[in-house]
Amino acid sequence: MNEVEAAVQSVLAEVLGEALPAAPLQASTPLLGAVPELDSMAVVNILTALEERFGFTIGDDEISGAVFRSFGELCGFVAGKLGS
């Protein structure tokens, strides 16, 4: 697991707590629709935490359900924002 993945997993654990699967997340681990606690408020909290952790801004037009489809999609989005 690289630094971005570890940080994203940490943010998810902070926001979702025990709702997050206990096993280490894989790129294919589904999020939206698979984690009942991942509702609109949790998404907002995750996005805010990612902005704070990484120091970037996320525009409303950058977010869609596809970003939260899987752990890999979310990590890819973050890596893209970081220019990695």
PDB file of N, CA and C in Angstrom:
ATOM      1  N   MET A   1       0.860  -1.177   0.000  1.00  0.00           N
ATOM      2  CA  MET A   1       0.000   0.000   0.000  1.00  0.00           C
ATOM      3  C   MET A   1       0.904   1.238   0.000  1.00  0.00           C
ATOM      4  N   ASN A   2       0.633   2.149  -0.936  1.00  0.00           N
ATOM      5  CA  ASN A   2       1.453   3.358  -1.007  1.00  0.00           C
ATOM      6  C   ASN A   2       0.928   4.427  -0.039  1.00  0.00           C
ATOM      7  N   GLU A   3       1.610   5.567  -0.003  1.00  0.00           N
ATOM      8  CA  GLU A   3       1.261   6.626   0.950  1.00  0.00           C
ATOM      9  C   GLU A   3      -0.150   7.165   0.748  1.00  0.00           C
ATOM     10  N   VAL A   4      -0.537   7.367  -0.508  1.00  0.00           N
ATOM     11  CA  VAL A   4      -1.879   7.896  -0.792  1.00  0.00           C
ATOM     12  C   VAL A   4      -2.924   6.898  -0.316  1.00  0.00           C
ATOM     13  N   GLU A   5      -2.746   5.628  -0.649  1.00  0.00           N
ATOM     14  CA  GLU A   5      -3.708   4.609  -0.232  1.00  0.00           C
ATOM     15  C   GLU A   5      -3.809   4.525   1.285  1.00  0.00           C
ATOM     16  N   ALA A   6      -2.664   4.571   1.962  1.00  0.00           N
ATOM     17  CA  ALA A   6      -2.662   4.508   3.425  1.00  0.00           C
ATOM     18  C   ALA A   6      -3.381   5.710   4.027  1.00  0.00           C
ATOM     19  N   ALA A   7      -3.151   6.889   3.470  1.00  0.00           N
ATOM     20  CA  ALA A   7      -3.800   8.098   3.986  1.00  0.00           C
ATOM     21  C   ALA A   7      -5.303   8.066   3.716  1.00  0.00           C
ATOM     22  N   VAL A   8      -5.699   7.613   2.525  1.00  0.00           N
ATOM     23  CA  VAL A   8      -7.130   7.529   2.200  1.00  0.00           C
ATOM     24  C   VAL A   8      -7.800   6.510   3.115  1.00  0.00           C
ATOM     25  N   GLN A   9      -7.153   5.370   3.340  1.00  0.00           N
ATOM     26  CA  GLN A   9      -7.728   4.373   4.240  1.00  0.00           C
ATOM     27  C   GLN A   9      -7.862   4.943   5.649  1.00  0.00           C
ATOM     28  N   SER A  10      -6.898   5.721   6.091  1.00  0.00           N
ATOM     29  CA  SER A  10      -6.953   6.351   7.402  1.00  0.00           C
ATOM     30  C   SER A  10      -8.134   7.313   7.505  1.00  0.00           C
ATOM     31  N   VAL A  11      -8.340   8.111   6.465  1.00  0.00           N
ATOM     32  CA  VAL A  11      -9.473   9.051   6.446  1.00  0.00           C
ATOM     33  C   VAL A  11     -10.792   8.279   6.485  1.00  0.00           C
ATOM     34  N   LEU A  12     -10.901   7.228   5.686  1.00  0.00           N
ATOM     35  CA  LEU A  12     -12.123   6.432   5.684  1.00  0.00           C
ATOM     36  C   LEU A  12     -12.380   5.831   7.063  1.00  0.00           C
ATOM     37  N   ALA A  13     -11.330   5.342   7.713  1.00  0.00           N
ATOM     38  CA  ALA A  13     -11.474   4.755   9.048  1.00  0.00           C
ATOM     39  C   ALA A  13     -11.923   5.803  10.061  1.00  0.00           C
ATOM     40  N   GLU A  14     -11.378   7.017   9.944  1.00  0.00           N
ATOM     41  CA  GLU A  14     -11.764   8.099  10.859  1.00  0.00           C
ATOM     42  C   GLU A  14     -13.238   8.449  10.708  1.00  0.00           C
ATOM     43  N   VAL A  15     -13.699   8.526   9.463  1.00  0.00           N
ATOM     44  CA  VAL A  15     -15.079   8.957   9.201  1.00  0.00           C
ATOM     45  C   VAL A  15     -16.080   7.822   9.394  1.00  0.00           C
ATOM     46  N   LEU A  16     -15.752   6.637   8.899  1.00  0.00           N
ATOM     47  CA  LEU A  16     -16.712   5.530   8.912  1.00  0.00           C
ATOM     48  C   LEU A  16     -16.576   4.622  10.129  1.00  0.00           C
ATOM     49  N   GLY A  17     -15.440   4.676  10.801  1.00  0.00           N
ATOM     50  CA  GLY A  17     -15.243   3.855  11.992  1.00  0.00           C
ATOM     51  C   GLY A  17     -15.403   2.379  11.719  1.00  0.00           C
ATOM     52  N   GLU A  18     -16.192   1.717  12.549  1.00  0.00           N
ATOM     53  CA  GLU A  18     -16.365   0.271  12.460  1.00  0.00           C
ATOM     54  C   GLU A  18     -17.138  -0.170  11.227  1.00  0.00           C
ATOM     55  N   ALA A  19     -17.763   0.744  10.517  1.00  0.00           N
ATOM     56  CA  ALA A  19     -18.492   0.386   9.304  1.00  0.00           C
ATOM     57  C   ALA A  19     -17.555  -0.011   8.173  1.00  0.00           C
ATOM     58  N   LEU A  20     -16.310   0.416   8.273  1.00  0.00           N
ATOM     59  CA  LEU A  20     -15.315   0.091   7.254  1.00  0.00           C
ATOM     60  C   LEU A  20     -14.905  -1.365   7.422  1.00  0.00           C
ATOM     61  N   PRO A  21     -14.777  -2.110   6.320  1.00  0.00           N
ATOM     62  CA  PRO A  21     -14.347  -3.508   6.445  1.00  0.00           C
ATOM     63  C   PRO A  21     -13.039  -3.609   7.227  1.00  0.00           C
ATOM     64  N   ALA A  22     -12.934  -4.621   8.085  1.00  0.00           N
ATOM     65  CA  ALA A  22     -11.763  -4.779   8.957  1.00  0.00           C
ATOM     66  C   ALA A  22     -10.507  -5.155   8.176  1.00  0.00           C
ATOM     67  N   ALA A  23     -10.658  -5.902   7.102  1.00  0.00           N
ATOM     68  CA  ALA A  23      -9.508  -6.319   6.301  1.00  0.00           C
ATOM     69  C   ALA A  23      -8.923  -5.111   5.584  1.00  0.00           C
ATOM     70  N   PRO A  24      -7.622  -5.145   5.302  1.00  0.00           N
ATOM     71  CA  PRO A  24      -7.035  -4.038   4.527  1.00  0.00           C
ATOM     72  C   PRO A  24      -7.789  -3.861   3.206  1.00  0.00           C
ATOM     73  N   LEU A  25      -8.020  -2.621   2.858  1.00  0.00           N
ATOM     74  CA  LEU A  25      -8.765  -2.331   1.627  1.00  0.00           C
ATOM     75  C   LEU A  25      -7.908  -2.614   0.408  1.00  0.00           C
ATOM     76  N   GLN A  26      -8.532  -3.169  -0.603  1.00  0.00           N
ATOM     77  CA  GLN A  26      -7.906  -3.420  -1.892  1.00  0.00           C
ATOM     78  C   GLN A  26      -8.507  -2.436  -2.894  1.00  0.00           C
ATOM     79  N   ALA A  27      -7.848  -2.263  -4.020  1.00  0.00           N
ATOM     80  CA  ALA A  27      -8.359  -1.346  -5.049  1.00  0.00           C
ATOM     81  C   ALA A  27      -9.789  -1.707  -5.446  1.00  0.00           C
ATOM     82  N   SER A  28     -10.104  -2.980  -5.457  1.00  0.00           N
ATOM     83  CA  SER A  28     -11.430  -3.426  -5.890  1.00  0.00           C
ATOM     84  C   SER A  28     -12.481  -3.411  -4.778  1.00  0.00           C
ATOM     85  N   THR A  29     -12.090  -3.054  -3.559  1.00  0.00           N
ATOM     86  CA  THR A  29     -13.054  -3.033  -2.452  1.00  0.00           C
ATOM     87  C   THR A  29     -14.157  -2.018  -2.753  1.00  0.00           C
ATOM     88  N   PRO A  30     -15.409  -2.474  -2.851  1.00  0.00           N
ATOM     89  CA  PRO A  30     -16.502  -1.538  -3.141  1.00  0.00           C
ATOM     90  C   PRO A  30     -16.798  -0.644  -1.944  1.00  0.00           C
ATOM     91  N   LEU A  31     -17.176   0.582  -2.232  1.00  0.00           N
ATOM     92  CA  LEU A  31     -17.531   1.527  -1.171  1.00  0.00           C
ATOM     93  C   LEU A  31     -18.995   1.926  -1.287  1.00  0.00           C
ATOM     94  N   LEU A  32     -19.311   2.769  -2.261  1.00  0.00           N
ATOM     95  CA  LEU A  32     -20.673   3.284  -2.409  1.00  0.00           C
ATOM     96  C   LEU A  32     -21.632   2.130  -2.693  1.00  0.00           C
ATOM     97  N   GLY A  33     -22.639   2.000  -1.857  1.00  0.00           N
ATOM     98  CA  GLY A  33     -23.611   0.926  -2.009  1.00  0.00           C
ATOM     99  C   GLY A  33     -23.244  -0.320  -1.218  1.00  0.00           C
ATOM    100  N   ALA A  34     -21.983  -0.461  -0.850  1.00  0.00           N
ATOM    101  CA  ALA A  34     -21.539  -1.636  -0.092  1.00  0.00           C
ATOM    102  C   ALA A  34     -21.370  -1.317   1.389  1.00  0.00           C
ATOM    103  N   VAL A  35     -21.142  -0.051   1.701  1.00  0.00           N
ATOM    104  CA  VAL A  35     -20.979   0.387   3.091  1.00  0.00           C
ATOM    105  C   VAL A  35     -22.183   1.275   3.408  1.00  0.00           C
ATOM    106  N   PRO A  36     -23.171   0.726   4.142  1.00  0.00           N
ATOM    107  CA  PRO A  36     -24.403   1.490   4.392  1.00  0.00           C
ATOM    108  C   PRO A  36     -24.174   2.856   5.036  1.00  0.00           C
ATOM    109  N   GLU A  37     -23.128   2.967   5.849  1.00  0.00           N
ATOM    110  CA  GLU A  37     -22.859   4.230   6.530  1.00  0.00           C
ATOM    111  C   GLU A  37     -22.282   5.290   5.597  1.00  0.00           C
ATOM    112  N   LEU A  38     -21.932   4.902   4.383  1.00  0.00           N
ATOM    113  CA  LEU A  38     -21.375   5.849   3.411  1.00  0.00           C
ATOM    114  C   LEU A  38     -22.541   6.569   2.733  1.00  0.00           C
ATOM    115  N   ASP A  39     -23.109   7.503   3.484  1.00  0.00           N
ATOM    116  CA  ASP A  39     -24.217   8.302   2.982  1.00  0.00           C
ATOM    117  C   ASP A  39     -23.701   9.679   2.571  1.00  0.00           C
ATOM    118  N   SER A  40     -24.607  10.567   2.221  1.00  0.00           N
ATOM    119  CA  SER A  40     -24.184  11.877   1.718  1.00  0.00           C
ATOM    120  C   SER A  40     -23.387  12.669   2.761  1.00  0.00           C
ATOM    121  N   MET A  41     -23.753  12.565   4.019  1.00  0.00           N
ATOM    122  CA  MET A  41     -23.001  13.279   5.063  1.00  0.00           C
ATOM    123  C   MET A  41     -21.601  12.688   5.225  1.00  0.00           C
ATOM    124  N   ALA A  42     -21.490  11.372   5.146  1.00  0.00           N
ATOM    125  CA  ALA A  42     -20.178  10.729   5.247  1.00  0.00           C
ATOM    126  C   ALA A  42     -19.304  11.139   4.067  1.00  0.00           C
ATOM    127  N   VAL A  43     -19.890  11.230   2.876  1.00  0.00           N
ATOM    128  CA  VAL A  43     -19.130  11.654   1.692  1.00  0.00           C
ATOM    129  C   VAL A  43     -18.583  13.064   1.911  1.00  0.00           C
ATOM    130  N   VAL A  44     -19.416  13.967   2.399  1.00  0.00           N
ATOM    131  CA  VAL A  44     -18.970  15.339   2.665  1.00  0.00           C
ATOM    132  C   VAL A  44     -17.842  15.339   3.694  1.00  0.00           C
ATOM    133  N   ASN A  45     -17.996  14.557   4.752  1.00  0.00           N
ATOM    134  CA  ASN A  45     -16.958  14.486   5.779  1.00  0.00           C
ATOM    135  C   ASN A  45     -15.654  13.901   5.234  1.00  0.00           C
ATOM    136  N   ILE A  46     -15.748  12.901   4.385  1.00  0.00           N
ATOM    137  CA  ILE A  46     -14.555  12.302   3.766  1.00  0.00           C
ATOM    138  C   ILE A  46     -13.869  13.324   2.875  1.00  0.00           C
ATOM    139  N   LEU A  47     -14.633  14.013   2.049  1.00  0.00           N
ATOM    140  CA  LEU A  47     -14.047  15.006   1.150  1.00  0.00           C
ATOM    141  C   LEU A  47     -13.364  16.124   1.933  1.00  0.00           C
ATOM    142  N   THR A  48     -14.004  16.583   2.998  1.00  0.00           N
ATOM    143  CA  THR A  48     -13.413  17.630   3.839  1.00  0.00           C
ATOM    144  C   THR A  48     -12.117  17.138   4.470  1.00  0.00           C
ATOM    145  N   ALA A  49     -12.126  15.920   4.982  1.00  0.00           N
ATOM    146  CA  ALA A  49     -10.932  15.359   5.605  1.00  0.00           C
ATOM    147  C   ALA A  49      -9.806  15.183   4.587  1.00  0.00           C
ATOM    148  N   LEU A  50     -10.145  14.783   3.364  1.00  0.00           N
ATOM    149  CA  LEU A  50      -9.126  14.638   2.311  1.00  0.00           C
ATOM    150  C   LEU A  50      -8.535  16.004   1.958  1.00  0.00           C
ATOM    151  N   GLU A  51      -9.380  17.027   1.855  1.00  0.00           N
ATOM    152  CA  GLU A  51      -8.884  18.374   1.575  1.00  0.00           C
ATOM    153  C   GLU A  51      -7.915  18.829   2.658  1.00  0.00           C
ATOM    154  N   GLU A  52      -8.281  18.591   3.900  1.00  0.00           N
ATOM    155  CA  GLU A  52      -7.423  18.999   5.015  1.00  0.00           C
ATOM    156  C   GLU A  52      -6.131  18.195   5.046  1.00  0.00           C
ATOM    157  N   ARG A  53      -6.222  16.893   4.837  1.00  0.00           N
ATOM    158  CA  ARG A  53      -5.047  16.017   4.907  1.00  0.00           C
ATOM    159  C   ARG A  53      -4.044  16.332   3.813  1.00  0.00           C
ATOM    160  N   PHE A  54      -4.550  16.564   2.594  1.00  0.00           N
ATOM    161  CA  PHE A  54      -3.663  16.721   1.444  1.00  0.00           C
ATOM    162  C   PHE A  54      -3.460  18.163   1.003  1.00  0.00           C
ATOM    163  N   GLY A  55      -4.264  19.100   1.509  1.00  0.00           N
ATOM    164  CA  GLY A  55      -4.080  20.499   1.171  1.00  0.00           C
ATOM    165  C   GLY A  55      -4.549  20.894  -0.216  1.00  0.00           C
ATOM    166  N   PHE A  56      -5.547  20.196  -0.737  1.00  0.00           N
ATOM    167  CA  PHE A  56      -6.124  20.601  -2.018  1.00  0.00           C
ATOM    168  C   PHE A  56      -7.593  20.938  -1.836  1.00  0.00           C
ATOM    169  N   THR A  57      -8.184  21.513  -2.869  1.00  0.00           N
ATOM    170  CA  THR A  57      -9.599  21.858  -2.855  1.00  0.00           C
ATOM    171  C   THR A  57     -10.321  20.992  -3.866  1.00  0.00           C
ATOM    172  N   ILE A  58     -11.490  20.514  -3.494  1.00  0.00           N
ATOM    173  CA  ILE A  58     -12.299  19.680  -4.379  1.00  0.00           C
ATOM    174  C   ILE A  58     -13.531  20.476  -4.781  1.00  0.00           C
ATOM    175  N   GLY A  59     -13.690  20.687  -6.075  1.00  0.00           N
ATOM    176  CA  GLY A  59     -14.856  21.402  -6.582  1.00  0.00           C
ATOM    177  C   GLY A  59     -16.064  20.486  -6.661  1.00  0.00           C
ATOM    178  N   ASP A  60     -17.243  21.077  -6.508  1.00  0.00           N
ATOM    179  CA  ASP A  60     -18.479  20.298  -6.574  1.00  0.00           C
ATOM    180  C   ASP A  60     -18.601  19.533  -7.889  1.00  0.00           C
ATOM    181  N   ASP A  61     -18.090  20.121  -8.972  1.00  0.00           N
ATOM    182  CA  ASP A  61     -18.204  19.490 -10.284  1.00  0.00           C
ATOM    183  C   ASP A  61     -17.225  18.328 -10.471  1.00  0.00           C
ATOM    184  N   GLU A  62     -16.327  18.115  -9.522  1.00  0.00           N
ATOM    185  CA  GLU A  62     -15.358  17.020  -9.616  1.00  0.00           C
ATOM    186  C   GLU A  62     -15.865  15.724  -8.995  1.00  0.00           C
ATOM    187  N   ILE A  63     -16.965  15.798  -8.267  1.00  0.00           N
ATOM    188  CA  ILE A  63     -17.437  14.650  -7.513  1.00  0.00           C
ATOM    189  C   ILE A  63     -18.637  14.007  -8.195  1.00  0.00           C
ATOM    190  N   SER A  64     -18.552  12.683  -8.297  1.00  0.00           N
ATOM    191  CA  SER A  64     -19.673  11.885  -8.788  1.00  0.00           C
ATOM    192  C   SER A  64     -19.656  10.568  -8.031  1.00  0.00           C
ATOM    193  N   GLY A  65     -20.666   9.789  -8.223  1.00  0.00           N
ATOM    194  CA  GLY A  65     -20.728   8.484  -7.576  1.00  0.00           C
ATOM    195  C   GLY A  65     -19.559   7.602  -7.977  1.00  0.00           C
ATOM    196  N   ALA A  66     -19.029   7.811  -9.178  1.00  0.00           N
ATOM    197  CA  ALA A  66     -17.921   6.992  -9.659  1.00  0.00           C
ATOM    198  C   ALA A  66     -16.683   7.136  -8.784  1.00  0.00           C
ATOM    199  N   VAL A  67     -16.469   8.301  -8.196  1.00  0.00           N
ATOM    200  CA  VAL A  67     -15.292   8.531  -7.341  1.00  0.00           C
ATOM    201  C   VAL A  67     -15.342   7.609  -6.128  1.00  0.00           C
ATOM    202  N   PHE A  68     -16.544   7.319  -5.643  1.00  0.00           N
ATOM    203  CA  PHE A  68     -16.704   6.488  -4.453  1.00  0.00           C
ATOM    204  C   PHE A  68     -17.132   5.059  -4.782  1.00  0.00           C
ATOM    205  N   ARG A  69     -17.026   4.662  -6.032  1.00  0.00           N
ATOM    206  CA  ARG A  69     -17.416   3.312  -6.442  1.00  0.00           C
ATOM    207  C   ARG A  69     -16.568   2.262  -5.731  1.00  0.00           C
ATOM    208  N   SER A  70     -15.270   2.517  -5.636  1.00  0.00           N
ATOM    209  CA  SER A  70     -14.364   1.561  -4.985  1.00  0.00           C
ATOM    210  C   SER A  70     -13.228   2.322  -4.315  1.00  0.00           C
ATOM    211  N   PHE A  71     -12.497   1.617  -3.476  1.00  0.00           N
ATOM    212  CA  PHE A  71     -11.336   2.203  -2.814  1.00  0.00           C
ATOM    213  C   PHE A  71     -10.319   2.657  -3.852  1.00  0.00           C
ATOM    214  N   GLY A  72     -10.123   1.865  -4.886  1.00  0.00           N
ATOM    215  CA  GLY A  72      -9.177   2.218  -5.941  1.00  0.00           C
ATOM    216  C   GLY A  72      -9.576   3.482  -6.686  1.00  0.00           C
ATOM    217  N   GLU A  73     -10.868   3.637  -6.953  1.00  0.00           N
ATOM    218  CA  GLU A  73     -11.357   4.844  -7.632  1.00  0.00           C
ATOM    219  C   GLU A  73     -11.095   6.080  -6.778  1.00  0.00           C
ATOM    220  N   LEU A  74     -11.369   5.968  -5.475  1.00  0.00           N
ATOM    221  CA  LEU A  74     -11.160   7.102  -4.580  1.00  0.00           C
ATOM    222  C   LEU A  74      -9.676   7.444  -4.483  1.00  0.00           C
ATOM    223  N   CYS A  75      -8.828   6.427  -4.375  1.00  0.00           N
ATOM    224  CA  CYS A  75      -7.372   6.671  -4.323  1.00  0.00           C
ATOM    225  C   CYS A  75      -6.883   7.284  -5.631  1.00  0.00           C
ATOM    226  N   GLY A  76      -7.416   6.834  -6.748  1.00  0.00           N
ATOM    227  CA  GLY A  76      -7.054   7.393  -8.044  1.00  0.00           C
ATOM    228  C   GLY A  76      -7.442   8.861  -8.155  1.00  0.00           C
ATOM    229  N   PHE A  77      -8.608   9.195  -7.621  1.00  0.00           N
ATOM    230  CA  PHE A  77      -9.053  10.584  -7.621  1.00  0.00           C
ATOM    231  C   PHE A  77      -8.083  11.448  -6.812  1.00  0.00           C
ATOM    232  N   VAL A  78      -7.725  10.971  -5.611  1.00  0.00           N
ATOM    233  CA  VAL A  78      -6.808  11.714  -4.748  1.00  0.00           C
ATOM    234  C   VAL A  78      -5.457  11.852  -5.427  1.00  0.00           C
ATOM    235  N   ALA A  79      -4.951  10.771  -5.996  1.00  0.00           N
ATOM    236  CA  ALA A  79      -3.652  10.824  -6.688  1.00  0.00           C
ATOM    237  C   ALA A  79      -3.697  11.814  -7.833  1.00  0.00           C
ATOM    238  N   GLY A  80      -4.810  11.864  -8.545  1.00  0.00           N
ATOM    239  CA  GLY A  80      -4.968  12.828  -9.637  1.00  0.00           C
ATOM    240  C   GLY A  80      -4.941  14.261  -9.132  1.00  0.00           C
ATOM    241  N   LYS A  81      -5.571  14.500  -7.991  1.00  0.00           N
ATOM    242  CA  LYS A  81      -5.564  15.849  -7.410  1.00  0.00           C
ATOM    243  C   LYS A  81      -4.147  16.235  -6.980  1.00  0.00           C
ATOM    244  N   LEU A  82      -3.361  15.247  -6.587  1.00  0.00           N
ATOM    245  CA  LEU A  82      -1.989  15.504  -6.145  1.00  0.00           C
ATOM    246  C   LEU A  82      -1.016  15.556  -7.323  1.00  0.00           C
ATOM    247  N   GLY A  83      -1.508  15.232  -8.514  1.00  0.00           N
ATOM    248  CA  GLY A  83      -0.643  15.239  -9.701  1.00  0.00           C
ATOM    249  C   GLY A  83       0.273  14.043  -9.774  1.00  0.00           C
ATOM    250  N   SER A  84      -0.109  12.956  -9.051  1.00  0.00           N
ATOM    251  CA  SER A  84       0.720  11.742  -9.078  1.00  0.00           C
ATOM    252  C   SER A  84       0.289  10.806 -10.178  1.00  0.00           C
TER     253      SER A  84
END
